[in-house]
């Protein structure tokens, strides 16, 4: 049997055009989520792509009056398992909204955001096509984390925020 050098093996694995079945006690080290900053230093309107799945978006909504409006990829079998994380790094301006929409009336967002304080509460959403972190309602968004994952038909939301009980940060809307 011929020996394959490390550089040749690395070349072959990097260009592998199929899934690799790892078994036993295989461990991958050094893997990190890709991180991208979103700032409302100017207004942002953007459609996320399935290729950006797994990205951690750090969000700053501190600038005055500028909104961020994101649209999720169209749900379908080809994007089942696509997910995004959003972490808010500072408190929001009182006139800055951060919204996420499915872009389609037949595609909805289900789930909720838990307030992590004594007697926790949940901002729950069922059948909403758009959710908004509403800066005019509450600005205490630093530390909020949102996770959205697609099941191929709809999007599922989970998250948390450290704030006073009863403070509503997210509002939902039906229809795209």
N, C-alpha and C. Protein backbone atom coordinates (compact mmCIF):
# COMPACT_ATOMS: atom_id res chain seq x y z
N UNK A 1 0.83 -1.17 0.00
CA UNK A 1 0.00 0.00 0.00
C UNK A 1 0.89 1.24 0.00
N UNK A 2 0.58 2.18 -0.86
CA UNK A 2 1.37 3.41 -0.96
C UNK A 2 1.01 4.38 0.16
N UNK A 3 2.00 5.09 0.64
CA UNK A 3 1.78 6.09 1.68
C UNK A 3 1.39 7.42 1.03
N UNK A 4 0.48 8.12 1.69
CA UNK A 4 0.04 9.42 1.21
C UNK A 4 0.59 10.48 2.15
N UNK A 5 1.25 11.47 1.60
CA UNK A 5 1.82 12.54 2.42
C UNK A 5 0.74 13.42 3.02
N UNK A 6 1.09 14.11 4.09
CA UNK A 6 0.15 14.98 4.80
C UNK A 6 -0.42 16.06 3.89
N UNK A 7 0.41 16.70 3.09
CA UNK A 7 -0.08 17.75 2.19
C UNK A 7 -1.06 17.19 1.17
N UNK A 8 -0.80 16.02 0.64
CA UNK A 8 -1.71 15.40 -0.33
C UNK A 8 -3.03 15.03 0.35
N UNK A 9 -2.98 14.49 1.55
CA UNK A 9 -4.18 14.13 2.29
C UNK A 9 -5.01 15.38 2.59
N UNK A 10 -4.35 16.44 3.02
CA UNK A 10 -5.04 17.70 3.29
C UNK A 10 -5.72 18.22 2.03
N UNK A 11 -5.02 18.17 0.91
CA UNK A 11 -5.57 18.60 -0.37
C UNK A 11 -6.83 17.81 -0.70
N UNK A 12 -6.79 16.51 -0.54
CA UNK A 12 -7.93 15.65 -0.87
C UNK A 12 -9.13 15.90 0.04
N UNK A 13 -8.90 16.06 1.33
CA UNK A 13 -9.99 16.28 2.28
C UNK A 13 -10.63 17.64 2.06
N UNK A 14 -9.84 18.68 1.81
CA UNK A 14 -10.39 20.01 1.60
C UNK A 14 -11.27 20.09 0.36
N UNK A 15 -11.04 19.25 -0.61
CA UNK A 15 -11.80 19.29 -1.84
C UNK A 15 -12.84 18.16 -1.94
N UNK A 16 -13.11 17.53 -0.82
CA UNK A 16 -14.08 16.44 -0.78
C UNK A 16 -15.46 16.97 -1.15
N UNK A 17 -16.09 16.36 -2.12
CA UNK A 17 -17.37 16.84 -2.63
C UNK A 17 -18.56 16.07 -2.06
N UNK A 18 -18.41 15.50 -0.89
CA UNK A 18 -19.52 14.80 -0.23
C UNK A 18 -19.33 14.90 1.27
N UNK A 19 -20.34 14.44 2.01
CA UNK A 19 -20.25 14.47 3.47
C UNK A 19 -19.23 13.47 3.95
N UNK A 20 -18.63 13.78 5.06
CA UNK A 20 -17.65 12.91 5.68
C UNK A 20 -18.30 12.29 6.91
N UNK A 21 -18.39 10.98 6.98
CA UNK A 21 -18.98 10.30 8.13
C UNK A 21 -17.89 10.09 9.18
N UNK A 22 -18.02 10.84 10.28
CA UNK A 22 -17.06 10.71 11.37
C UNK A 22 -17.69 9.85 12.44
N UNK A 23 -16.98 8.89 12.95
CA UNK A 23 -17.56 8.01 13.94
C UNK A 23 -16.68 7.86 15.16
N UNK A 24 -17.14 7.02 16.06
CA UNK A 24 -16.35 6.74 17.26
C UNK A 24 -16.19 7.95 18.13
N UNK A 25 -14.99 8.20 18.55
CA UNK A 25 -14.73 9.33 19.45
C UNK A 25 -14.04 10.47 18.72
N UNK A 26 -14.45 10.72 17.47
CA UNK A 26 -13.86 11.78 16.67
C UNK A 26 -14.14 13.14 17.30
N UNK A 27 -13.14 13.98 17.38
CA UNK A 27 -13.28 15.32 17.93
C UNK A 27 -12.72 16.32 16.94
N UNK A 28 -13.51 17.35 16.66
CA UNK A 28 -13.04 18.46 15.85
C UNK A 28 -12.75 19.62 16.78
N UNK A 29 -11.58 20.19 16.69
CA UNK A 29 -11.21 21.29 17.56
C UNK A 29 -10.95 22.54 16.73
N UNK A 30 -11.13 23.67 17.39
CA UNK A 30 -10.83 24.93 16.73
C UNK A 30 -11.95 25.45 15.85
N UNK A 31 -13.10 24.82 15.90
CA UNK A 31 -14.21 25.27 15.08
C UNK A 31 -14.91 26.43 15.77
N UNK A 32 -15.23 27.46 15.02
CA UNK A 32 -15.91 28.63 15.55
C UNK A 32 -17.02 29.04 14.61
N UNK A 33 -18.02 29.68 15.19
CA UNK A 33 -19.07 30.27 14.39
C UNK A 33 -18.51 31.49 13.69
N UNK A 34 -18.91 31.72 12.45
CA UNK A 34 -18.52 32.93 11.76
C UNK A 34 -19.26 34.09 12.42
N UNK A 35 -18.58 35.21 12.64
CA UNK A 35 -19.18 36.36 13.32
C UNK A 35 -19.18 37.55 12.37
N UNK A 36 -20.33 38.24 12.30
CA UNK A 36 -20.47 39.43 11.47
C UNK A 36 -21.20 40.51 12.27
N UNK A 37 -20.71 41.72 12.22
CA UNK A 37 -21.33 42.83 12.93
C UNK A 37 -22.41 43.49 12.08
N UNK A 38 -23.54 43.79 12.72
CA UNK A 38 -24.60 44.58 12.10
C UNK A 38 -24.77 45.82 12.96
N UNK A 39 -24.66 46.98 12.32
CA UNK A 39 -24.80 48.25 13.02
C UNK A 39 -25.85 49.09 12.31
N UNK A 40 -26.56 49.89 13.08
CA UNK A 40 -27.52 50.79 12.46
C UNK A 40 -26.94 52.20 12.31
N UNK A 41 -25.62 52.29 12.11
CA UNK A 41 -25.01 53.59 11.86
C UNK A 41 -25.61 54.23 10.61
N UNK A 42 -26.16 53.40 9.73
CA UNK A 42 -27.03 53.84 8.64
C UNK A 42 -28.13 52.79 8.54
N UNK A 43 -29.22 53.12 7.91
CA UNK A 43 -30.34 52.18 7.79
C UNK A 43 -29.89 50.95 6.99
N UNK A 44 -30.34 49.77 7.40
CA UNK A 44 -29.95 48.52 6.76
C UNK A 44 -31.20 47.76 6.34
N UNK A 45 -31.24 47.36 5.08
CA UNK A 45 -32.27 46.45 4.57
C UNK A 45 -31.52 45.36 3.84
N UNK A 46 -31.74 44.10 4.27
CA UNK A 46 -30.91 43.02 3.75
C UNK A 46 -31.66 41.69 3.81
N UNK A 47 -31.41 40.85 2.82
CA UNK A 47 -31.92 39.48 2.83
C UNK A 47 -30.76 38.54 3.16
N UNK A 48 -30.95 37.75 4.21
CA UNK A 48 -29.93 36.77 4.59
C UNK A 48 -29.95 35.62 3.59
N UNK A 49 -28.84 34.92 3.45
CA UNK A 49 -28.76 33.79 2.53
C UNK A 49 -28.54 32.50 3.29
N UNK A 50 -28.89 31.39 2.67
CA UNK A 50 -28.66 30.09 3.28
C UNK A 50 -27.17 29.84 3.48
N UNK A 51 -26.34 30.42 2.63
CA UNK A 51 -24.89 30.26 2.76
C UNK A 51 -24.36 30.91 4.04
N UNK A 52 -25.12 31.85 4.62
CA UNK A 52 -24.72 32.51 5.86
C UNK A 52 -25.19 31.74 7.10
N UNK A 53 -25.79 30.57 6.89
CA UNK A 53 -26.27 29.75 8.00
C UNK A 53 -25.16 29.53 9.02
N UNK A 54 -25.51 29.63 10.30
CA UNK A 54 -24.54 29.43 11.36
C UNK A 54 -23.84 30.70 11.78
N UNK A 55 -24.11 31.80 11.12
CA UNK A 55 -23.45 33.06 11.45
C UNK A 55 -23.99 33.63 12.75
N UNK A 56 -23.09 34.15 13.56
CA UNK A 56 -23.45 34.91 14.75
C UNK A 56 -23.36 36.39 14.37
N UNK A 57 -24.49 37.07 14.39
CA UNK A 57 -24.53 38.50 14.08
C UNK A 57 -24.50 39.27 15.39
N UNK A 58 -23.48 40.10 15.59
CA UNK A 58 -23.46 40.99 16.74
C UNK A 58 -24.18 42.26 16.31
N UNK A 59 -25.14 42.70 17.13
CA UNK A 59 -26.03 43.78 16.72
C UNK A 59 -25.86 44.99 17.63
N UNK A 60 -25.64 46.14 17.01
CA UNK A 60 -25.63 47.42 17.72
C UNK A 60 -26.71 48.30 17.10
N UNK A 61 -27.69 48.65 17.92
CA UNK A 61 -28.79 49.52 17.47
C UNK A 61 -28.71 50.87 18.19
N UNK A 62 -27.49 51.31 18.49
CA UNK A 62 -27.28 52.51 19.30
C UNK A 62 -27.42 53.82 18.53
N UNK A 63 -27.32 53.80 17.22
CA UNK A 63 -27.41 55.04 16.44
C UNK A 63 -28.84 55.57 16.44
N UNK A 64 -28.97 56.86 16.32
CA UNK A 64 -30.28 57.51 16.38
C UNK A 64 -31.08 57.27 15.10
N UNK A 65 -32.30 56.78 15.28
CA UNK A 65 -33.33 56.74 14.23
C UNK A 65 -33.11 55.79 13.06
N UNK A 66 -32.04 55.02 13.01
CA UNK A 66 -31.82 54.13 11.87
C UNK A 66 -32.29 52.72 12.20
N UNK A 67 -33.07 52.15 11.30
CA UNK A 67 -33.62 50.81 11.49
C UNK A 67 -32.79 49.76 10.75
N UNK A 68 -32.90 48.53 11.21
CA UNK A 68 -32.32 47.37 10.52
C UNK A 68 -33.48 46.44 10.19
N UNK A 69 -33.64 46.09 8.91
CA UNK A 69 -34.71 45.21 8.46
C UNK A 69 -34.08 44.03 7.71
N UNK A 70 -34.19 42.84 8.31
CA UNK A 70 -33.63 41.63 7.71
C UNK A 70 -34.75 40.71 7.24
N UNK A 71 -34.53 40.08 6.10
CA UNK A 71 -35.47 39.09 5.58
C UNK A 71 -34.78 37.74 5.57
N UNK A 72 -35.46 36.73 6.11
CA UNK A 72 -34.92 35.37 6.14
C UNK A 72 -35.06 34.74 4.76
N UNK A 73 -34.23 33.75 4.44
CA UNK A 73 -34.39 33.06 3.16
C UNK A 73 -35.76 32.38 3.08
N UNK A 74 -36.25 32.21 1.88
CA UNK A 74 -37.53 31.55 1.67
C UNK A 74 -37.45 30.12 2.18
N UNK A 75 -38.40 29.78 3.06
CA UNK A 75 -38.42 28.43 3.65
C UNK A 75 -38.69 27.40 2.56
N UNK A 76 -38.08 26.27 2.70
CA UNK A 76 -38.25 25.16 1.77
C UNK A 76 -37.35 24.02 2.21
N UNK A 77 -37.57 22.87 1.61
CA UNK A 77 -36.82 21.68 1.99
C UNK A 77 -35.31 21.91 1.90
N UNK A 78 -34.89 22.73 0.94
CA UNK A 78 -33.45 22.94 0.73
C UNK A 78 -32.80 23.76 1.84
N UNK A 79 -33.59 24.45 2.67
CA UNK A 79 -32.96 25.23 3.75
C UNK A 79 -33.33 24.71 5.14
N UNK A 80 -33.93 23.55 5.22
CA UNK A 80 -34.20 22.97 6.54
C UNK A 80 -32.87 22.84 7.29
N UNK A 81 -32.83 23.34 8.51
CA UNK A 81 -31.60 23.30 9.30
C UNK A 81 -30.79 24.58 9.24
N UNK A 82 -31.13 25.50 8.36
CA UNK A 82 -30.43 26.78 8.28
C UNK A 82 -30.74 27.56 9.57
N UNK A 83 -29.70 28.17 10.19
CA UNK A 83 -29.94 28.91 11.42
C UNK A 83 -29.04 30.14 11.52
N UNK A 84 -29.51 31.10 12.33
CA UNK A 84 -28.77 32.33 12.58
C UNK A 84 -28.89 32.68 14.06
N UNK A 85 -27.85 33.32 14.59
CA UNK A 85 -27.86 33.82 15.96
C UNK A 85 -27.63 35.32 15.92
N UNK A 86 -28.32 36.04 16.81
CA UNK A 86 -28.17 37.48 16.93
C UNK A 86 -27.91 37.82 18.39
N UNK A 87 -26.81 38.52 18.68
CA UNK A 87 -26.49 38.96 20.03
C UNK A 87 -26.39 40.48 20.03
N UNK A 88 -27.19 41.11 20.88
CA UNK A 88 -27.22 42.56 20.97
C UNK A 88 -26.15 43.01 21.96
N UNK A 89 -25.23 43.86 21.48
CA UNK A 89 -24.05 44.21 22.26
C UNK A 89 -24.19 45.48 23.08
N UNK A 90 -25.18 46.31 22.75
CA UNK A 90 -25.42 47.56 23.49
C UNK A 90 -26.93 47.81 23.54
N UNK A 91 -27.34 48.72 24.41
CA UNK A 91 -28.75 49.12 24.45
C UNK A 91 -29.11 49.86 23.17
N UNK A 92 -30.39 49.81 22.82
CA UNK A 92 -30.89 50.42 21.58
C UNK A 92 -31.26 51.88 21.77
N UNK A 93 -31.20 52.62 20.67
CA UNK A 93 -31.75 53.97 20.64
C UNK A 93 -33.27 53.84 20.71
N UNK A 94 -33.94 54.85 21.24
CA UNK A 94 -35.40 54.77 21.41
C UNK A 94 -36.18 54.88 20.10
N UNK A 95 -35.53 55.22 19.02
CA UNK A 95 -36.20 55.27 17.72
C UNK A 95 -35.58 54.33 16.70
N UNK A 96 -34.88 53.29 17.17
CA UNK A 96 -34.22 52.33 16.28
C UNK A 96 -34.87 50.96 16.42
N UNK A 97 -35.43 50.46 15.34
CA UNK A 97 -36.08 49.15 15.35
C UNK A 97 -35.24 48.13 14.57
N UNK A 98 -35.23 46.90 15.08
CA UNK A 98 -34.56 45.78 14.44
C UNK A 98 -35.65 44.76 14.10
N UNK A 99 -35.88 44.51 12.81
CA UNK A 99 -36.95 43.60 12.43
C UNK A 99 -36.43 42.44 11.60
N UNK A 100 -37.10 41.30 11.77
CA UNK A 100 -36.81 40.10 10.99
C UNK A 100 -38.13 39.61 10.42
N UNK A 101 -38.16 39.40 9.11
CA UNK A 101 -39.38 38.92 8.46
C UNK A 101 -39.08 37.66 7.66
N UNK A 102 -40.12 36.84 7.52
CA UNK A 102 -39.97 35.63 6.70
C UNK A 102 -40.10 35.96 5.22
N UNK A 103 -40.68 37.09 4.91
CA UNK A 103 -40.83 37.50 3.53
C UNK A 103 -41.99 36.83 2.80
N UNK A 104 -42.76 35.99 3.51
CA UNK A 104 -43.88 35.28 2.87
C UNK A 104 -45.00 35.06 3.88
N UNK A 105 -46.23 35.37 3.48
CA UNK A 105 -47.37 35.20 4.38
C UNK A 105 -47.54 33.76 4.84
N UNK A 106 -47.21 32.77 4.01
CA UNK A 106 -47.39 31.37 4.35
C UNK A 106 -46.27 30.79 5.21
N UNK A 107 -45.25 31.59 5.49
CA UNK A 107 -44.13 31.15 6.33
C UNK A 107 -44.16 31.95 7.61
N UNK A 108 -44.14 31.25 8.74
CA UNK A 108 -44.31 31.94 10.02
C UNK A 108 -43.14 31.70 10.97
N UNK A 109 -43.14 32.50 12.03
CA UNK A 109 -42.17 32.38 13.11
C UNK A 109 -42.91 31.91 14.35
N UNK A 110 -42.37 30.86 14.99
CA UNK A 110 -42.94 30.32 16.22
C UNK A 110 -41.85 30.30 17.28
N UNK A 111 -42.23 30.56 18.53
CA UNK A 111 -41.26 30.46 19.61
C UNK A 111 -41.38 31.62 20.56
N UNK A 112 -40.30 31.89 21.30
CA UNK A 112 -40.37 32.96 22.26
C UNK A 112 -39.02 33.37 22.80
N UNK A 113 -39.03 34.52 23.48
CA UNK A 113 -37.84 35.06 24.11
C UNK A 113 -38.13 35.15 25.61
N UNK A 114 -37.29 34.53 26.41
CA UNK A 114 -37.47 34.47 27.85
C UNK A 114 -36.77 35.64 28.52
N UNK A 115 -37.49 36.30 29.43
CA UNK A 115 -36.89 37.32 30.27
C UNK A 115 -36.25 36.62 31.45
N UNK A 116 -34.93 36.73 31.58
CA UNK A 116 -34.19 36.02 32.62
C UNK A 116 -34.11 36.84 33.90
N UNK A 117 -35.18 36.86 34.62
CA UNK A 117 -35.22 37.55 35.91
C UNK A 117 -36.14 36.74 36.81
N UNK A 118 -36.26 37.15 38.07
CA UNK A 118 -37.17 36.42 38.97
C UNK A 118 -38.56 36.39 38.34
N UNK A 119 -39.24 35.26 38.43
CA UNK A 119 -40.57 35.10 37.85
C UNK A 119 -40.53 35.39 36.34
N UNK A 120 -39.68 34.70 35.64
CA UNK A 120 -39.45 34.93 34.22
C UNK A 120 -40.75 35.01 33.43
N UNK A 121 -40.71 35.82 32.38
CA UNK A 121 -41.83 35.93 31.45
C UNK A 121 -41.32 35.57 30.06
N UNK A 122 -42.25 35.35 29.14
CA UNK A 122 -41.89 34.98 27.77
C UNK A 122 -42.65 35.86 26.80
N UNK A 123 -41.92 36.47 25.85
CA UNK A 123 -42.57 37.10 24.70
C UNK A 123 -42.74 35.97 23.69
N UNK A 124 -43.99 35.49 23.51
CA UNK A 124 -44.24 34.33 22.68
C UNK A 124 -44.82 34.74 21.32
N UNK A 125 -44.47 33.96 20.30
CA UNK A 125 -44.92 34.23 18.94
C UNK A 125 -45.42 32.94 18.31
N UNK A 126 -46.61 33.00 17.72
CA UNK A 126 -47.17 31.85 17.02
C UNK A 126 -47.82 32.35 15.74
N UNK A 127 -47.26 31.96 14.62
CA UNK A 127 -47.84 32.33 13.35
C UNK A 127 -47.58 33.76 12.94
N UNK A 128 -46.46 34.33 13.35
CA UNK A 128 -46.10 35.69 12.95
C UNK A 128 -45.11 35.63 11.78
N UNK A 129 -45.26 36.52 10.83
CA UNK A 129 -44.33 36.59 9.71
C UNK A 129 -43.23 37.61 9.94
N UNK A 130 -43.39 38.42 10.99
CA UNK A 130 -42.41 39.46 11.27
C UNK A 130 -42.33 39.67 12.77
N UNK A 131 -41.10 39.79 13.28
CA UNK A 131 -40.90 40.19 14.66
C UNK A 131 -40.02 41.43 14.66
N UNK A 132 -40.26 42.30 15.63
CA UNK A 132 -39.52 43.55 15.71
C UNK A 132 -39.04 43.78 17.13
N UNK A 133 -37.76 44.09 17.27
CA UNK A 133 -37.23 44.58 18.53
C UNK A 133 -37.48 46.07 18.47
N UNK A 134 -38.49 46.51 19.21
CA UNK A 134 -39.03 47.86 19.09
C UNK A 134 -38.32 48.81 20.05
N UNK A 135 -37.47 49.66 19.51
CA UNK A 135 -36.71 50.60 20.32
C UNK A 135 -37.57 51.62 21.03
N UNK A 136 -38.77 51.91 20.50
CA UNK A 136 -39.63 52.90 21.16
C UNK A 136 -40.32 52.31 22.39
N UNK A 137 -40.36 50.98 22.52
CA UNK A 137 -40.99 50.34 23.66
C UNK A 137 -39.99 50.17 24.80
N UNK A 138 -38.79 49.66 24.50
CA UNK A 138 -37.76 49.47 25.51
C UNK A 138 -36.39 49.49 24.85
N UNK A 139 -35.44 50.10 25.54
CA UNK A 139 -34.09 50.21 24.96
C UNK A 139 -33.10 49.26 25.60
N UNK A 140 -33.46 48.54 26.64
CA UNK A 140 -32.52 47.69 27.38
C UNK A 140 -32.28 46.36 26.67
N UNK A 141 -31.63 46.43 25.52
CA UNK A 141 -31.42 45.23 24.70
C UNK A 141 -30.04 44.61 24.86
N UNK A 142 -29.12 45.28 25.55
CA UNK A 142 -27.78 44.71 25.70
C UNK A 142 -27.87 43.33 26.36
N UNK A 143 -27.24 42.33 25.74
CA UNK A 143 -27.25 40.97 26.25
C UNK A 143 -28.35 40.09 25.67
N UNK A 144 -29.26 40.67 24.89
CA UNK A 144 -30.32 39.85 24.29
C UNK A 144 -29.72 38.94 23.22
N UNK A 145 -30.18 37.69 23.20
CA UNK A 145 -29.75 36.73 22.19
C UNK A 145 -30.98 36.12 21.52
N UNK A 146 -30.98 36.09 20.20
CA UNK A 146 -32.04 35.48 19.42
C UNK A 146 -31.44 34.37 18.56
N UNK A 147 -32.12 33.25 18.49
CA UNK A 147 -31.70 32.12 17.66
C UNK A 147 -32.88 31.74 16.77
N UNK A 148 -32.67 31.72 15.47
CA UNK A 148 -33.71 31.34 14.52
C UNK A 148 -33.24 30.16 13.70
N UNK A 149 -34.09 29.13 13.59
CA UNK A 149 -33.76 27.94 12.80
C UNK A 149 -34.97 27.58 11.94
N UNK A 150 -34.71 27.14 10.72
CA UNK A 150 -35.78 26.77 9.78
C UNK A 150 -35.98 25.26 9.77
N UNK A 151 -37.24 24.83 9.79
CA UNK A 151 -37.54 23.40 9.70
C UNK A 151 -37.91 22.99 8.27
N UNK A 152 -37.78 23.91 7.33
CA UNK A 152 -38.13 23.66 5.94
C UNK A 152 -39.49 24.23 5.58
N UNK A 153 -40.32 24.52 6.59
CA UNK A 153 -41.64 25.10 6.38
C UNK A 153 -41.78 26.45 7.08
N UNK A 154 -41.35 26.51 8.34
CA UNK A 154 -41.44 27.72 9.15
C UNK A 154 -40.12 27.96 9.86
N UNK A 155 -40.05 29.09 10.55
CA UNK A 155 -38.87 29.45 11.34
C UNK A 155 -39.22 29.35 12.82
N UNK A 156 -38.26 28.92 13.64
CA UNK A 156 -38.47 28.76 15.07
C UNK A 156 -37.49 29.66 15.82
N UNK A 157 -38.05 30.43 16.77
CA UNK A 157 -37.32 31.43 17.51
C UNK A 157 -37.13 31.00 18.96
N UNK A 158 -35.93 31.16 19.46
CA UNK A 158 -35.68 31.03 20.88
C UNK A 158 -34.70 32.11 21.26
N UNK A 159 -34.73 32.50 22.53
CA UNK A 159 -33.80 33.53 22.95
C UNK A 159 -34.01 33.93 24.38
N UNK A 160 -33.20 34.87 24.82
CA UNK A 160 -33.29 35.37 26.19
C UNK A 160 -32.82 36.81 26.26
N UNK A 161 -33.27 37.47 27.33
CA UNK A 161 -32.84 38.85 27.59
C UNK A 161 -32.85 39.06 29.10
N UNK A 162 -31.91 39.83 29.58
CA UNK A 162 -31.85 40.21 31.00
C UNK A 162 -32.49 41.58 31.13
N UNK A 163 -33.66 41.63 31.70
CA UNK A 163 -34.35 42.91 31.85
C UNK A 163 -35.44 42.78 32.91
N UNK A 164 -36.11 43.86 33.19
CA UNK A 164 -37.16 43.84 34.20
C UNK A 164 -38.35 43.02 33.72
N UNK A 165 -38.97 42.31 34.66
CA UNK A 165 -40.16 41.51 34.35
C UNK A 165 -41.24 42.41 33.75
N UNK A 166 -41.89 41.90 32.74
CA UNK A 166 -42.99 42.63 32.13
C UNK A 166 -42.57 43.61 31.05
N UNK A 167 -41.27 43.79 30.85
CA UNK A 167 -40.81 44.69 29.79
C UNK A 167 -40.91 43.96 28.46
N UNK A 168 -41.68 44.50 27.55
CA UNK A 168 -41.85 43.88 26.23
C UNK A 168 -40.81 44.48 25.29
N UNK A 169 -40.01 43.66 24.69
CA UNK A 169 -39.00 44.13 23.74
C UNK A 169 -39.36 43.79 22.31
N UNK A 170 -40.03 42.65 22.11
CA UNK A 170 -40.34 42.20 20.77
C UNK A 170 -41.84 42.25 20.54
N UNK A 171 -42.20 42.66 19.33
CA UNK A 171 -43.59 42.65 18.92
C UNK A 171 -43.68 41.87 17.62
N UNK A 172 -44.80 41.20 17.41
CA UNK A 172 -44.98 40.40 16.22
C UNK A 172 -46.04 40.96 15.32
N UNK A 173 -45.97 40.59 14.05
CA UNK A 173 -46.99 41.02 13.08
C UNK A 173 -47.23 39.87 12.11
N UNK A 174 -48.50 39.65 11.80
CA UNK A 174 -48.85 38.65 10.80
C UNK A 174 -48.70 39.28 9.42
N UNK A 175 -48.44 38.45 8.44
CA UNK A 175 -48.27 38.95 7.08
C UNK A 175 -46.87 39.47 6.87
N UNK A 176 -46.41 39.36 5.66
CA UNK A 176 -45.06 39.81 5.34
C UNK A 176 -45.12 41.25 5.05
